[in-house]
């Protein structure tokens, strides 16, 4: 085999390798290509996910507001309870004073 034949054989082998590589690449892209139906389904899934995230955000905001309202109500109820307990303590103290006064008046 002389030099010219070697160059042509090498060129043919390289061309065949290039053609096989290109065909394999085309075949892989053809088989893994996303169809329009799949794209539509992906769009629907993306929209559903977006809606679910918005719904989650709204729900979290509602629960945060509700928690704040309930905390405020709890604080108000505790303040009212403390005021009622203070009033009850004062009333008991006054009742004890009145009992002591009545006992002193009855003994005198």
N, C-alpha and C. Protein backbone atom coordinates (compact mmCIF):
# COMPACT_ATOMS: atom_id res chain seq x y z
N UNK A 1 0.85 -1.15 0.00
CA UNK A 1 0.00 0.00 0.00
C UNK A 1 0.91 1.23 0.00
N UNK A 2 0.69 2.05 -1.02
CA UNK A 2 1.53 3.25 -1.12
C UNK A 2 0.89 4.41 -0.34
N UNK A 3 1.52 5.52 -0.40
CA UNK A 3 1.12 6.67 0.41
C UNK A 3 -0.25 7.18 0.00
N UNK A 4 -0.57 7.27 -1.25
CA UNK A 4 -1.85 7.77 -1.73
C UNK A 4 -2.98 6.85 -1.29
N UNK A 5 -2.77 5.56 -1.44
CA UNK A 5 -3.81 4.61 -1.00
C UNK A 5 -4.04 4.72 0.51
N UNK A 6 -2.97 4.91 1.24
CA UNK A 6 -3.08 5.05 2.69
C UNK A 6 -3.87 6.30 3.06
N UNK A 7 -3.62 7.41 2.38
CA UNK A 7 -4.34 8.65 2.63
C UNK A 7 -5.81 8.48 2.31
N UNK A 8 -6.13 7.86 1.14
CA UNK A 8 -7.54 7.64 0.79
C UNK A 8 -8.23 6.69 1.77
N UNK A 9 -7.55 5.65 2.20
CA UNK A 9 -8.14 4.70 3.15
C UNK A 9 -8.40 5.39 4.48
N UNK A 10 -7.46 6.20 4.93
CA UNK A 10 -7.63 6.95 6.18
C UNK A 10 -8.77 7.94 6.04
N UNK A 11 -8.87 8.63 4.92
CA UNK A 11 -9.95 9.60 4.69
C UNK A 11 -11.29 8.89 4.68
N UNK A 12 -11.37 7.75 4.03
CA UNK A 12 -12.64 7.00 3.99
C UNK A 12 -13.02 6.53 5.40
N UNK A 13 -12.05 6.01 6.13
CA UNK A 13 -12.33 5.56 7.50
C UNK A 13 -12.80 6.73 8.37
N UNK A 14 -12.14 7.87 8.26
CA UNK A 14 -12.55 9.05 9.04
C UNK A 14 -13.93 9.54 8.62
N UNK A 15 -14.21 9.52 7.30
CA UNK A 15 -15.53 9.93 6.84
C UNK A 15 -16.61 8.99 7.34
N UNK A 16 -16.35 7.68 7.30
CA UNK A 16 -17.32 6.70 7.81
C UNK A 16 -17.53 6.90 9.31
N UNK A 17 -16.46 7.15 10.06
CA UNK A 17 -16.59 7.40 11.50
C UNK A 17 -17.40 8.66 11.75
N UNK A 18 -17.14 9.72 10.97
CA UNK A 18 -17.91 10.95 11.10
C UNK A 18 -19.39 10.70 10.80
N UNK A 19 -19.66 9.97 9.70
CA UNK A 19 -21.05 9.68 9.32
C UNK A 19 -21.75 8.85 10.38
N UNK A 20 -21.08 7.85 10.94
CA UNK A 20 -21.68 7.04 12.00
C UNK A 20 -21.94 7.89 13.26
N UNK A 21 -21.02 8.76 13.59
CA UNK A 21 -21.22 9.64 14.75
C UNK A 21 -22.37 10.59 14.53
N UNK A 22 -22.44 11.17 13.34
CA UNK A 22 -23.53 12.09 13.04
C UNK A 22 -24.87 11.35 13.07
N UNK A 23 -24.92 10.15 12.50
CA UNK A 23 -26.15 9.36 12.48
C UNK A 23 -26.56 8.99 13.90
N UNK A 24 -25.59 8.58 14.73
CA UNK A 24 -25.90 8.24 16.12
C UNK A 24 -26.44 9.46 16.87
N UNK A 25 -25.81 10.62 16.65
CA UNK A 25 -26.29 11.84 17.30
C UNK A 25 -27.71 12.18 16.84
N UNK A 26 -27.95 12.11 15.55
CA UNK A 26 -29.29 12.40 15.02
C UNK A 26 -30.31 11.43 15.59
N UNK A 27 -29.95 10.14 15.69
CA UNK A 27 -30.86 9.12 16.20
C UNK A 27 -31.17 9.37 17.68
N UNK A 28 -30.16 9.71 18.46
CA UNK A 28 -30.38 9.98 19.89
C UNK A 28 -31.27 11.20 20.06
N UNK A 29 -31.02 12.27 19.30
CA UNK A 29 -31.86 13.46 19.40
C UNK A 29 -33.28 13.18 18.92
N UNK A 30 -33.41 12.35 17.94
CA UNK A 30 -34.75 12.00 17.42
C UNK A 30 -35.53 11.19 18.45
N UNK A 31 -34.86 10.27 19.12
CA UNK A 31 -35.54 9.42 20.09
C UNK A 31 -35.83 10.15 21.40
N UNK A 32 -34.99 11.08 21.80
CA UNK A 32 -35.17 11.78 23.07
C UNK A 32 -35.85 13.13 22.90
N UNK A 33 -36.30 13.45 21.71
CA UNK A 33 -36.94 14.74 21.46
C UNK A 33 -38.27 14.79 22.21
N UNK A 34 -38.57 15.95 22.76
CA UNK A 34 -39.81 16.15 23.49
C UNK A 34 -40.89 16.53 22.49
N UNK A 35 -42.00 15.80 22.54
CA UNK A 35 -43.07 16.08 21.59
C UNK A 35 -43.92 17.26 22.07
N UNK A 36 -44.79 17.75 21.18
CA UNK A 36 -45.67 18.87 21.54
C UNK A 36 -46.65 18.46 22.65
N UNK A 37 -47.10 17.22 22.61
CA UNK A 37 -48.01 16.75 23.66
C UNK A 37 -47.31 16.75 25.01
N UNK A 38 -46.05 16.31 24.99
CA UNK A 38 -45.28 16.33 26.24
C UNK A 38 -45.06 17.75 26.72
N UNK A 39 -44.80 18.67 25.80
CA UNK A 39 -44.61 20.06 26.19
C UNK A 39 -45.90 20.64 26.77
N UNK A 40 -47.04 20.28 26.16
CA UNK A 40 -48.32 20.73 26.70
C UNK A 40 -48.55 20.18 28.09
N UNK A 41 -48.21 18.93 28.29
CA UNK A 41 -48.36 18.32 29.61
C UNK A 41 -47.43 18.98 30.61
N UNK A 42 -46.21 19.28 30.20
CA UNK A 42 -45.28 19.98 31.08
C UNK A 42 -45.79 21.37 31.43
N UNK A 43 -46.37 22.06 30.45
CA UNK A 43 -46.94 23.38 30.72
C UNK A 43 -48.08 23.28 31.73
N UNK A 44 -48.94 22.27 31.58
CA UNK A 44 -50.04 22.08 32.52
C UNK A 44 -49.51 21.78 33.92
N UNK A 45 -48.48 20.93 33.98
CA UNK A 45 -47.90 20.60 35.28
C UNK A 45 -47.26 21.84 35.91
N UNK A 46 -46.60 22.66 35.11
CA UNK A 46 -45.98 23.88 35.62
C UNK A 46 -47.05 24.84 36.12
N UNK A 47 -48.15 24.96 35.39
CA UNK A 47 -49.24 25.84 35.83
C UNK A 47 -49.88 25.32 37.11
N UNK A 48 -50.07 23.99 37.20
CA UNK A 48 -50.64 23.40 38.41
C UNK A 48 -49.71 23.63 39.60
N UNK A 49 -48.41 23.49 39.38
CA UNK A 49 -47.44 23.73 40.45
C UNK A 49 -47.47 25.19 40.88
N UNK A 50 -47.56 26.09 39.92
CA UNK A 50 -47.62 27.52 40.24
C UNK A 50 -48.88 27.82 41.06
N UNK A 51 -50.01 27.27 40.64
CA UNK A 51 -51.26 27.49 41.38
C UNK A 51 -51.16 26.92 42.79
N UNK A 52 -50.56 25.73 42.91
CA UNK A 52 -50.41 25.11 44.23
C UNK A 52 -49.52 25.96 45.13
N UNK A 53 -48.45 26.52 44.58
CA UNK A 53 -47.57 27.38 45.37
C UNK A 53 -48.29 28.65 45.80
N UNK A 54 -49.08 29.24 44.92
CA UNK A 54 -49.84 30.43 45.29
C UNK A 54 -50.84 30.10 46.40
N UNK A 55 -51.51 28.96 46.25
CA UNK A 55 -52.47 28.52 47.26
C UNK A 55 -51.77 28.30 48.60
N UNK A 56 -50.59 27.68 48.56
CA UNK A 56 -49.82 27.46 49.79
C UNK A 56 -49.44 28.78 50.43
N UNK A 57 -49.00 29.74 49.63
CA UNK A 57 -48.61 31.04 50.17
C UNK A 57 -49.80 31.76 50.79
N UNK A 58 -50.96 31.68 50.12
CA UNK A 58 -52.16 32.30 50.68
C UNK A 58 -52.57 31.62 51.98
N UNK A 59 -52.46 30.30 52.02
CA UNK A 59 -52.82 29.56 53.23
C UNK A 59 -51.88 29.92 54.37
N UNK A 60 -50.58 30.00 54.08
CA UNK A 60 -49.63 30.38 55.12
C UNK A 60 -49.91 31.79 55.63
N UNK A 61 -50.22 32.70 54.73
CA UNK A 61 -50.53 34.07 55.15
C UNK A 61 -51.78 34.08 56.02
N UNK A 62 -52.80 33.29 55.63
CA UNK A 62 -54.03 33.22 56.43
C UNK A 62 -53.73 32.70 57.83
N UNK A 63 -52.94 31.61 57.90
CA UNK A 63 -52.64 31.03 59.21
C UNK A 63 -51.78 31.96 60.06
N UNK A 64 -50.87 32.70 59.44
CA UNK A 64 -50.08 33.66 60.20
C UNK A 64 -50.97 34.76 60.76
N UNK A 65 -51.90 35.26 59.94
CA UNK A 65 -52.84 36.29 60.42
C UNK A 65 -53.73 35.74 61.53
N UNK A 66 -54.20 34.52 61.33
CA UNK A 66 -55.08 33.90 62.33
C UNK A 66 -54.33 33.69 63.63
N UNK A 67 -53.08 33.25 63.53
CA UNK A 67 -52.26 33.06 64.73
C UNK A 67 -52.05 34.38 65.46
N UNK A 68 -51.81 35.45 64.71
CA UNK A 68 -51.64 36.77 65.32
C UNK A 68 -52.93 37.20 66.02
N UNK A 69 -54.08 36.97 65.38
CA UNK A 69 -55.37 37.33 66.00
C UNK A 69 -55.58 36.53 67.28
N UNK A 70 -55.31 35.23 67.22
CA UNK A 70 -55.51 34.40 68.40
C UNK A 70 -54.54 34.76 69.52
N UNK A 71 -53.33 35.13 69.18
CA UNK A 71 -52.37 35.58 70.20
C UNK A 71 -52.86 36.85 70.86
N UNK A 72 -53.40 37.76 70.06
CA UNK A 72 -53.94 39.00 70.62
C UNK A 72 -55.11 38.71 71.54
N UNK A 73 -56.00 37.82 71.09
CA UNK A 73 -57.14 37.45 71.93
C UNK A 73 -56.69 36.78 73.23
N UNK A 74 -55.68 35.92 73.13
CA UNK A 74 -55.16 35.25 74.32
C UNK A 74 -54.57 36.27 75.28
N UNK A 75 -53.80 37.22 74.77
CA UNK A 75 -53.22 38.25 75.64
C UNK A 75 -54.31 39.08 76.30
N UNK A 76 -55.36 39.41 75.54
CA UNK A 76 -56.47 40.18 76.12
C UNK A 76 -57.18 39.37 77.19
N UNK A 77 -57.39 38.09 76.92
CA UNK A 77 -58.06 37.23 77.90
C UNK A 77 -57.23 37.09 79.17
N UNK A 78 -55.92 36.96 79.01
CA UNK A 78 -55.05 36.87 80.19
C UNK A 78 -55.08 38.17 80.98
N UNK A 79 -55.09 39.30 80.28
CA UNK A 79 -55.16 40.59 80.98
C UNK A 79 -56.50 40.72 81.72
N UNK A 80 -57.59 40.30 81.10
CA UNK A 80 -58.90 40.34 81.76
C UNK A 80 -58.92 39.41 82.96
N UNK A 81 -58.29 38.23 82.83
CA UNK A 81 -58.23 37.29 83.94
C UNK A 81 -57.45 37.88 85.11
N UNK A 82 -56.31 38.51 84.81
CA UNK A 82 -55.53 39.14 85.89
C UNK A 82 -56.34 40.24 86.57
N UNK A 83 -57.06 41.03 85.76
CA UNK A 83 -57.87 42.10 86.35
C UNK A 83 -58.98 41.50 87.21
N UNK A 84 -59.60 40.43 86.74
CA UNK A 84 -60.66 39.80 87.52
C UNK A 84 -60.10 39.20 88.81
N UNK A 85 -58.93 38.58 88.72
CA UNK A 85 -58.32 37.99 89.93
C UNK A 85 -57.95 39.08 90.92
N UNK A 86 -57.44 40.22 90.43
CA UNK A 86 -57.12 41.34 91.31
C UNK A 86 -58.40 41.86 91.98
N UNK A 87 -59.46 41.98 91.19
CA UNK A 87 -60.74 42.44 91.75
C UNK A 87 -61.27 41.46 92.78
N UNK A 88 -61.15 40.16 92.50
CA UNK A 88 -61.61 39.14 93.45
C UNK A 88 -60.78 39.19 94.73
N UNK A 89 -59.48 39.38 94.60
CA UNK A 89 -58.61 39.47 95.78
C UNK A 89 -59.00 40.68 96.61
N UNK A 90 -59.23 41.81 95.95
CA UNK A 90 -59.65 43.02 96.67
C UNK A 90 -60.99 42.81 97.36
N UNK A 91 -61.93 42.13 96.67
CA UNK A 91 -63.25 41.89 97.26
C UNK A 91 -63.13 40.97 98.46
N UNK A 92 -62.28 39.93 98.38
CA UNK A 92 -62.10 39.04 99.54
C UNK A 92 -61.48 39.80 100.72
N UNK A 93 -60.49 40.64 100.41
CA UNK A 93 -59.86 41.42 101.46
C UNK A 93 -60.89 42.35 102.12
N UNK A 94 -61.69 42.99 101.32
CA UNK A 94 -62.73 43.88 101.86
C UNK A 94 -63.75 43.10 102.68
N UNK A 95 -64.11 41.88 102.18
CA UNK A 95 -65.06 41.06 102.93
C UNK A 95 -64.48 40.65 104.28
N UNK A 96 -63.19 40.32 104.32
CA UNK A 96 -62.54 39.97 105.58
C UNK A 96 -62.53 41.16 106.53
N UNK A 97 -62.26 42.34 105.99
CA UNK A 97 -62.27 43.54 106.83
C UNK A 97 -63.66 43.79 107.40
N UNK A 98 -64.69 43.60 106.55
CA UNK A 98 -66.05 43.80 107.03
C UNK A 98 -66.42 42.77 108.09
N UNK A 99 -66.01 41.51 107.90
CA UNK A 99 -66.28 40.48 108.92
C UNK A 99 -65.59 40.84 110.23
N UNK A 100 -64.37 41.28 110.13
CA UNK A 100 -63.63 41.65 111.34
C UNK A 100 -64.31 42.84 112.01
N UNK A 101 -64.77 43.80 111.24
CA UNK A 101 -65.46 44.97 111.80
C UNK A 101 -66.76 44.55 112.50
N UNK A 102 -67.51 43.63 111.84
CA UNK A 102 -68.77 43.17 112.42
C UNK A 102 -68.51 42.41 113.72
N UNK A 103 -67.49 41.57 113.73
CA UNK A 103 -67.17 40.82 114.95
C UNK A 103 -66.76 41.78 116.07
N UNK A 104 -66.01 42.81 115.76
CA UNK A 104 -65.61 43.78 116.77
C UNK A 104 -66.82 44.53 117.29
N UNK A 105 -67.76 44.87 116.41
CA UNK A 105 -68.96 45.59 116.84
C UNK A 105 -69.86 44.71 117.71
N UNK A 106 -69.90 43.42 117.39
CA UNK A 106 -70.74 42.52 118.19
C UNK A 106 -70.12 42.26 119.56
N UNK A 107 -68.83 42.26 119.64
CA UNK A 107 -68.17 42.04 120.93
C UNK A 107 -68.19 43.31 121.79
N UNK A 108 -68.28 44.42 121.19
CA UNK A 108 -68.24 45.67 121.96
C UNK A 108 -69.55 46.07 122.53
